Protein backbone atom coordinates (compact mmCIF):
# COMPACT_ATOMS: atom_id res chain seq x y z
CA SER A 1 91.40 91.09 76.60
CA TYR A 2 94.94 90.55 77.74
CA TRP A 3 94.08 87.08 78.14
CA LEU A 4 92.15 85.51 75.70
CA ASN A 5 94.57 84.89 72.41
CA ASP A 6 96.88 82.73 74.74
CA TYR A 7 93.93 81.24 76.36
CA GLY A 8 92.30 80.10 72.92
CA LEU A 9 95.32 78.87 71.56
CA PHE A 10 96.15 77.07 74.88
CA VAL A 11 93.02 75.03 74.94
CA SER A 12 93.03 74.19 71.35
CA ILE A 13 96.45 72.80 71.37
CA LYS A 14 95.59 70.90 74.65
CA ARG A 15 92.81 69.42 73.10
CA GLN A 16 95.05 68.09 70.31
CA PHE A 17 97.34 66.47 72.59
CA LYS A 18 94.40 65.13 74.49
CA GLY A 19 94.84 66.78 77.75
CA VAL A 20 98.53 66.37 78.41
CA ASP A 21 100.30 68.82 80.60
CA TRP A 22 101.78 71.83 78.56
CA SER A 23 105.01 70.67 79.87
CA LYS A 24 105.08 67.48 77.98
CA TRP A 25 104.21 69.26 74.55
CA PRO A 26 107.19 69.53 71.92
CA GLU A 27 109.91 71.56 73.41
CA ASP A 28 109.15 74.44 70.70
CA LEU A 29 105.70 74.66 71.32
CA LYS A 30 106.32 74.24 75.06
CA ASP A 31 108.91 77.19 74.79
CA ARG A 32 106.48 79.29 72.89
CA LYS A 33 109.34 79.68 69.73
CA GLU A 34 107.26 82.63 67.24
CA GLY A 35 107.27 80.59 64.30
CA VAL A 36 106.20 77.27 65.98
CA ILE A 37 103.04 79.61 67.81
CA LYS A 38 102.30 81.29 64.53
CA GLU A 39 102.13 77.83 62.81
CA TRP A 40 99.73 76.58 65.39
CA GLU A 41 97.97 79.57 65.36
CA GLU A 42 97.00 78.90 61.79
CA ARG A 43 96.54 75.61 61.82
CA LEU A 44 94.14 75.56 64.98
CA ARG A 45 92.24 78.75 63.33
CA GLU A 46 88.70 77.51 63.37
CA MET A 47 89.23 75.96 66.82
CA ILE A 48 90.42 78.80 68.19
CA LEU A 49 87.71 80.95 67.14
CA MET A 50 85.34 78.52 68.79
CA GLU A 51 86.75 78.60 71.89
CA LYS A 52 86.98 82.57 71.74
CA TYR A 53 83.13 82.42 70.69
CA PHE A 54 82.43 80.48 74.07
CA GLN A 55 83.96 82.72 75.73
CA TYR A 56 82.19 85.54 74.03
CA ILE A 57 78.93 83.63 75.02
CA PHE A 58 79.54 83.32 78.41
CA PHE A 59 80.81 87.11 79.14
CA LYS A 60 77.74 88.13 77.39
CA GLN A 61 75.60 86.23 79.64
CA TRP A 62 77.70 87.12 82.81
CA TYR A 63 77.49 91.11 81.80
CA SER A 64 73.65 90.70 81.34
CA LEU A 65 73.55 89.20 84.94
CA LYS A 66 75.70 92.18 86.48
CA ASN A 67 73.79 94.89 84.90
CA TYR A 68 70.52 93.27 85.95
CA CYS A 69 71.89 92.85 89.54
CA LYS A 70 73.08 96.97 89.25
CA SER A 71 69.43 97.58 88.05
CA LYS A 72 67.99 96.00 91.30
CA ASN A 73 71.10 97.87 93.72
CA LEU A 74 72.99 94.41 94.01
CA GLN A 75 76.65 94.38 94.26
CA ILE A 76 78.20 91.10 93.06
CA ILE A 77 81.59 90.25 95.54
CA GLY A 78 84.09 88.01 93.33
CA ASP A 79 86.54 85.97 94.77
CA VAL A 80 90.00 86.48 93.28
CA PRO A 81 92.51 83.63 93.73
CA ILE A 82 96.05 84.46 94.62
CA TYR A 83 97.76 81.74 92.70
CA VAL A 84 96.84 79.85 89.37
CA ASN A 85 97.35 76.20 88.28
CA TYR A 86 100.54 75.06 86.42
CA ASP A 87 99.03 73.56 83.67
CA SER A 88 97.06 76.75 82.72
CA SER A 89 97.56 79.44 79.76
CA ASP A 90 98.83 81.88 82.63
CA VAL A 91 101.64 79.87 83.27
CA TRP A 92 102.74 78.62 79.84
CA ALA A 93 102.09 82.37 78.28
CA ASN A 94 104.04 84.03 81.03
CA PRO A 95 106.47 81.58 82.58
CA GLU A 96 109.04 84.57 83.59
CA VAL A 97 106.24 85.19 86.25
CA PHE A 98 106.73 82.46 88.04
CA LYS A 99 109.55 80.68 89.69
CA LEU A 100 110.41 77.66 87.33
CA ASP A 101 113.39 75.82 86.40
CA GLU A 102 114.89 75.43 83.03
CA GLU A 103 112.78 72.71 82.03
CA GLY A 104 109.36 75.00 83.10
CA ARG A 105 108.88 73.07 86.24
CA PRO A 106 108.37 74.92 89.56
CA VAL A 107 110.92 74.66 91.89
CA PHE A 108 108.41 75.30 94.83
CA VAL A 109 104.66 74.94 94.87
CA THR A 110 102.24 76.58 97.08
CA GLY A 111 100.45 75.54 100.05
CA VAL A 112 100.06 76.90 104.07
CA PRO A 113 101.43 75.46 107.20
CA PRO A 114 98.79 73.74 109.89
CA ASP A 115 96.20 75.74 111.15
CA TYR A 116 92.57 75.82 111.80
CA PHE A 117 91.35 74.05 108.33
CA SER A 118 93.78 71.31 108.18
CA SER A 119 96.29 69.94 111.13
CA THR A 120 98.94 68.83 108.66
CA GLY A 121 98.43 71.86 106.52
CA GLN A 122 97.39 72.33 102.69
CA LEU A 123 99.78 71.68 100.09
CA TRP A 124 97.70 73.50 97.02
CA GLY A 125 100.67 73.05 94.54
CA HIS A 126 100.56 76.06 92.48
CA PRO A 127 103.67 77.50 91.00
CA VAL A 128 104.96 80.45 93.45
CA TYR A 129 105.42 84.19 91.82
CA ASP A 130 108.75 85.09 90.87
CA TRP A 131 108.33 88.50 93.06
CA ASN A 132 111.73 90.08 91.79
CA PHE A 133 110.66 89.85 88.05
CA LEU A 134 107.12 90.87 89.20
CA LYS A 135 108.69 94.13 90.65
CA GLU A 136 110.98 94.73 87.82
CA THR A 137 108.37 95.06 85.48
CA GLN A 138 105.95 97.19 87.67
CA TYR A 139 103.61 94.25 88.36
CA SER A 140 101.88 94.62 84.81
CA TRP A 141 100.71 91.11 84.80
CA TRP A 142 98.80 91.64 88.35
CA ILE A 143 97.88 95.39 86.94
CA MET A 144 96.36 93.66 84.06
CA ARG A 145 94.41 91.20 86.28
CA ILE A 146 93.08 93.44 88.63
CA GLU A 147 91.98 95.73 85.70
CA TYR A 148 90.09 93.17 84.45
CA ASN A 149 88.50 91.59 87.72
CA LEU A 150 87.35 95.36 88.28
CA ARG A 151 85.06 95.04 85.20
CA LEU A 152 83.43 91.86 86.22
CA PHE A 153 82.97 92.64 89.94
CA ASP A 154 81.83 95.45 92.06
CA ILE A 155 83.90 94.07 95.38
CA PHE A 156 86.41 91.22 95.22
CA ARG A 157 88.29 89.35 97.81
CA LEU A 158 91.70 88.62 97.78
CA ASP A 159 92.04 85.40 98.41
CA HIS A 160 94.99 84.29 100.88
CA PHE A 161 95.78 88.17 101.33
CA ARG A 162 99.02 86.87 103.67
CA GLY A 163 100.22 85.53 100.74
CA PHE A 164 101.04 89.20 99.45
CA VAL A 165 102.94 89.55 102.62
CA SER A 166 104.73 86.51 102.94
CA TYR A 167 103.88 83.06 101.23
CA TRP A 168 104.44 79.51 102.43
CA LYS A 169 107.13 77.85 99.70
CA ILE A 170 107.09 73.99 99.61
CA PRO A 171 109.82 72.05 97.88
CA VAL A 172 108.27 70.84 94.54
CA ASN A 173 109.00 67.26 95.68
CA GLU A 174 107.54 67.59 99.15
CA LYS A 175 104.56 65.41 99.79
CA ARG A 176 103.61 67.30 103.19
CA ALA A 177 103.03 71.27 103.31
CA ILE A 178 104.39 71.08 106.74
CA ASN A 179 107.91 70.74 105.02
CA GLY A 180 107.37 74.57 103.42
CA ARG A 181 108.87 77.93 104.94
CA TRP A 182 108.03 81.73 104.78
CA GLU A 183 109.19 83.77 102.14
CA LYS A 184 108.54 87.81 101.92
CA SER A 185 106.64 89.32 99.24
CA PRO A 186 107.44 93.28 98.63
CA ALA A 187 103.68 94.03 99.59
CA LYS A 188 104.16 97.59 100.45
CA ASP A 189 105.72 98.44 96.95
CA PHE A 190 103.26 96.34 95.15
CA PHE A 191 99.95 98.02 96.78
CA ASN A 192 101.30 101.41 96.30
CA THR A 193 101.65 100.42 92.60
CA LEU A 194 98.18 99.21 92.48
CA PHE A 195 96.85 102.36 94.07
CA LYS A 196 98.53 104.61 91.17
CA HIS A 197 96.87 102.79 88.76
CA PHE A 198 93.62 102.37 90.58
CA PRO A 199 93.00 105.22 92.99
CA HIS A 200 89.51 102.81 94.26
CA LEU A 201 90.01 99.49 94.79
CA PRO A 202 87.08 97.98 96.33
CA PHE A 203 89.18 94.95 98.02
CA ILE A 204 88.29 92.50 101.01
CA ALA A 205 91.17 90.88 102.64
CA GLU A 206 90.75 87.44 103.14
CA ASP A 207 92.93 87.39 106.38
CA LEU A 208 92.13 83.88 107.96
CA GLY A 209 95.02 81.36 108.92
CA VAL A 210 98.45 82.53 110.20
CA ILE A 211 98.05 86.09 110.57
CA THR A 212 101.24 87.75 111.75
CA PRO A 213 102.01 91.47 112.68
CA ASP A 214 103.50 92.36 109.27
CA VAL A 215 100.14 91.15 107.47
CA LYS A 216 98.22 93.33 110.08
CA GLU A 217 100.35 96.07 109.23
CA ILE A 218 100.13 96.16 105.66
CA MET A 219 95.93 96.12 106.18
CA ASN A 220 96.00 99.06 108.47
CA LEU A 221 98.32 101.09 106.00
CA PHE A 222 95.82 100.65 103.02
CA GLY A 223 92.98 100.61 104.87
CA PHE A 224 91.66 96.69 103.75
CA PRO A 225 88.73 95.41 105.64
CA GLY A 226 89.54 91.90 107.11
CA MET A 227 87.60 88.67 107.61
CA ARG A 228 85.85 87.33 110.74
CA VAL A 229 84.00 83.90 110.73
CA LEU A 230 81.31 83.92 113.57
CA ILE A 231 81.56 80.17 113.88
CA PHE A 232 85.19 80.37 114.90
CA ALA A 233 84.16 82.57 118.13
CA PHE A 234 82.91 80.00 120.81
CA GLY A 235 86.46 78.35 122.06
CA LYS A 236 88.02 78.30 125.27
CA ASN A 237 89.24 82.20 124.34
CA LEU A 238 85.93 83.79 123.48
CA PRO A 239 86.91 87.16 125.62
CA THR A 240 89.45 87.61 123.45
CA ASN A 241 88.90 85.92 120.37
CA THR A 242 88.80 88.26 117.43
CA ASN A 243 85.98 86.21 115.91
CA ALA A 244 83.50 87.11 118.81
CA PRO A 245 81.37 89.84 117.80
CA HIS A 246 82.27 92.18 120.93
CA ASN A 247 86.03 92.23 119.52
CA TYR A 248 84.84 93.42 116.01
CA VAL A 249 85.98 96.93 114.46
CA LYS A 250 83.88 99.05 112.01
CA ASN A 251 86.04 98.11 108.87
CA THR A 252 85.34 94.30 109.02
CA VAL A 253 83.72 91.88 106.95
CA VAL A 254 81.69 89.27 109.32
CA TYR A 255 80.74 85.92 107.72
CA THR A 256 78.48 83.45 109.94
CA GLY A 257 80.83 80.98 107.88
CA THR A 258 82.98 80.50 104.77
CA HIS A 259 82.43 78.13 101.72
CA ASP A 260 85.74 76.15 103.49
CA ASN A 261 83.38 75.81 106.68
CA ASN A 262 80.62 73.77 107.52
CA THR A 263 77.33 75.32 107.92
CA ILE A 264 75.79 76.47 110.78
CA LYS A 265 73.55 73.42 111.78
CA GLY A 266 76.55 71.33 110.61
CA TRP A 267 78.68 72.69 112.84
CA PHE A 268 76.39 72.64 115.60
CA LYS A 269 75.46 69.35 115.40
CA LYS A 270 79.09 67.82 114.37
CA GLU A 271 81.54 69.95 115.57
CA LEU A 272 80.36 71.96 118.49
CA ASP A 273 81.26 70.14 121.66
CA HIS A 274 79.25 70.50 124.84
CA GLU A 275 81.43 73.35 126.55
CA GLY A 276 81.12 75.24 123.51
CA ARG A 277 77.61 75.15 123.11
CA LYS A 278 77.48 76.22 126.86
CA ARG A 279 79.67 79.01 125.89
CA LEU A 280 77.31 79.90 122.78
CA SER A 281 74.36 79.73 124.98
CA GLU A 282 75.75 82.25 127.73
CA TYR A 283 77.02 84.44 124.85
CA ILE A 284 73.34 84.66 123.42
CA GLY A 285 71.70 84.55 127.18
CA HIS A 286 69.54 81.74 126.90
CA LYS A 287 69.71 77.92 125.55
CA VAL A 288 70.48 77.78 121.94
CA SER A 289 68.63 74.79 120.16
CA GLU A 290 69.79 73.01 117.03
CA LYS A 291 66.54 74.26 115.39
CA THR A 292 67.08 77.98 115.56
CA VAL A 293 70.96 78.02 115.86
CA HIS A 294 71.26 79.15 112.64
CA TRP A 295 69.02 82.48 113.15
CA GLU A 296 70.67 83.39 116.43
CA LEU A 297 74.06 83.44 114.61
CA ILE A 298 72.71 85.29 111.85
CA ARG A 299 71.58 87.97 114.45
CA LEU A 300 74.62 88.02 116.30
CA ALA A 301 76.37 89.14 112.64
CA MET A 302 73.67 91.64 111.87
CA MET A 303 73.89 93.49 115.33
CA SER A 304 77.82 93.81 115.10
CA VAL A 305 79.57 97.06 114.45
CA ALA A 306 80.96 95.23 111.29
CA ASN A 307 80.04 97.35 108.16
CA MET A 308 79.49 94.10 105.76
CA VAL A 309 77.62 90.98 106.78
CA ILE A 310 77.85 87.85 104.81
CA ILE A 311 75.36 84.68 105.29
CA PRO A 312 75.86 81.49 102.86
CA MET A 313 72.72 80.63 101.45
CA GLN A 314 72.92 77.19 103.54
CA ASP A 315 72.75 79.04 106.85
CA ILE A 316 69.81 81.51 105.63
CA LEU A 317 67.94 78.07 104.83
CA GLY A 318 69.06 76.35 107.81
CA LEU A 319 70.27 73.17 106.32
CA GLY A 320 72.74 70.88 107.79
CA GLU A 321 76.18 69.37 107.03
CA ARG A 322 75.08 67.40 103.28
CA ALA A 323 74.91 71.41 101.87
CA ARG A 324 78.40 71.87 102.99
CA MET A 325 80.19 73.90 99.78
CA ASN A 326 84.07 72.85 100.50
CA LEU A 327 85.95 70.34 102.55
CA PRO A 328 89.54 71.76 102.55
CA ALA A 329 92.18 69.09 101.58
CA SER A 330 89.90 66.92 99.69
CA SER A 331 88.98 66.49 96.43
CA ARG A 332 85.46 64.84 96.30
CA GLY A 333 81.95 66.27 96.44
CA ASN A 334 82.87 69.80 96.52
CA TRP A 335 81.14 72.48 95.36
CA GLU A 336 78.49 70.55 93.91
CA TRP A 337 75.64 71.72 96.25
CA ARG A 338 72.78 74.25 94.36
CA VAL A 339 69.86 75.97 96.00
CA THR A 340 66.31 75.31 94.10
CA GLN A 341 63.61 77.15 94.02
CA ASP A 342 61.37 74.88 96.08
CA GLN A 343 63.93 75.65 99.09
CA LEU A 344 63.06 79.57 99.19
CA SER A 345 60.10 80.63 100.88
CA SER A 346 58.21 83.92 101.71
CA THR A 347 58.48 83.10 105.63
CA ILE A 348 62.45 82.71 105.38
CA ALA A 349 62.47 86.23 102.89
CA GLN A 350 60.18 87.78 105.42
CA GLY A 351 62.42 86.70 108.35
CA LEU A 352 65.24 87.83 106.85
CA SER A 353 64.13 91.17 105.72
CA GLU A 354 63.19 91.67 109.14
CA THR A 355 66.30 91.12 110.71
CA THR A 356 68.26 93.21 108.42
CA ARG A 357 65.24 96.13 109.09
CA ILE A 358 66.01 95.84 112.77
CA TYR A 359 69.74 96.00 112.53
CA GLY A 360 69.67 98.93 110.21
CA ARG A 361 71.44 96.72 107.36
CA VAL A 362 68.54 97.54 104.34
């Protein structure tokens, strides 16, 4: 694998330095001087082999799962993050791919301006890409990354798709995301290059947030399906809201909600005001209750023209806010929810099966 040697060495060195950020390692090691790298590879040989073995075990199990899914005609959708952490083997081994200063530190960091998810924007803190270097090298780093993900997943969602068209860059010393600015990326050239290498790219474009005409232009040019989030539909602009089912087009993936949103029941109870509930009931044609709201929205998604429907397990199970997966801009309690066997039932399975059958999604 293109990443394995660097990763094994990086993790092993990091353990030797008790987890210290790579930018604080000795200069020759931080700068990957050839003789020094060879010396550390030999010194930590056993530890590196152990890290590689851990990866072997993980991927052996992963491909076993993937093959099992394939035998059941199930496809796996992977979420491919656009950015990588600064303190990672990716940045340490490929500093030229990112906009770093002479000391190897980020000049700008990533984030997004204020939107539905956060009124002050989000300061993610990853280093931004040096798109000029990537273009000069025919995007080889990205091509290797995409190629590897094509082995892992059947379909993958390109996280923060708009960042491939233009991205929000924030000066590294800024404490608030709102103080950033947009910077153009060579989107057309980038995707043209990808399609030369991979004739079939099973992408879903995560086109949430601030979506401008140039982003839509690139999506239409390459035929990427966009996303719609059903719980975003019931504001004052319902008739023209692109998240409302009557405004969908076929080349769309509709989510009842994403990992960044409340569950349907949590949203209905805590976030949807009286007027929103009234609009939801009028849209469906009868009064909607907290008890059944998750099935009401699941049916709305299923009966739409969208080519693909994605329903979080929490919504299928009808769980409330405590089962929420992730709260953007917070660091506690995220990604901790787990489904248990006793939550599954034949009644729920039958209801889901019947709904998919009725709307021709079997």
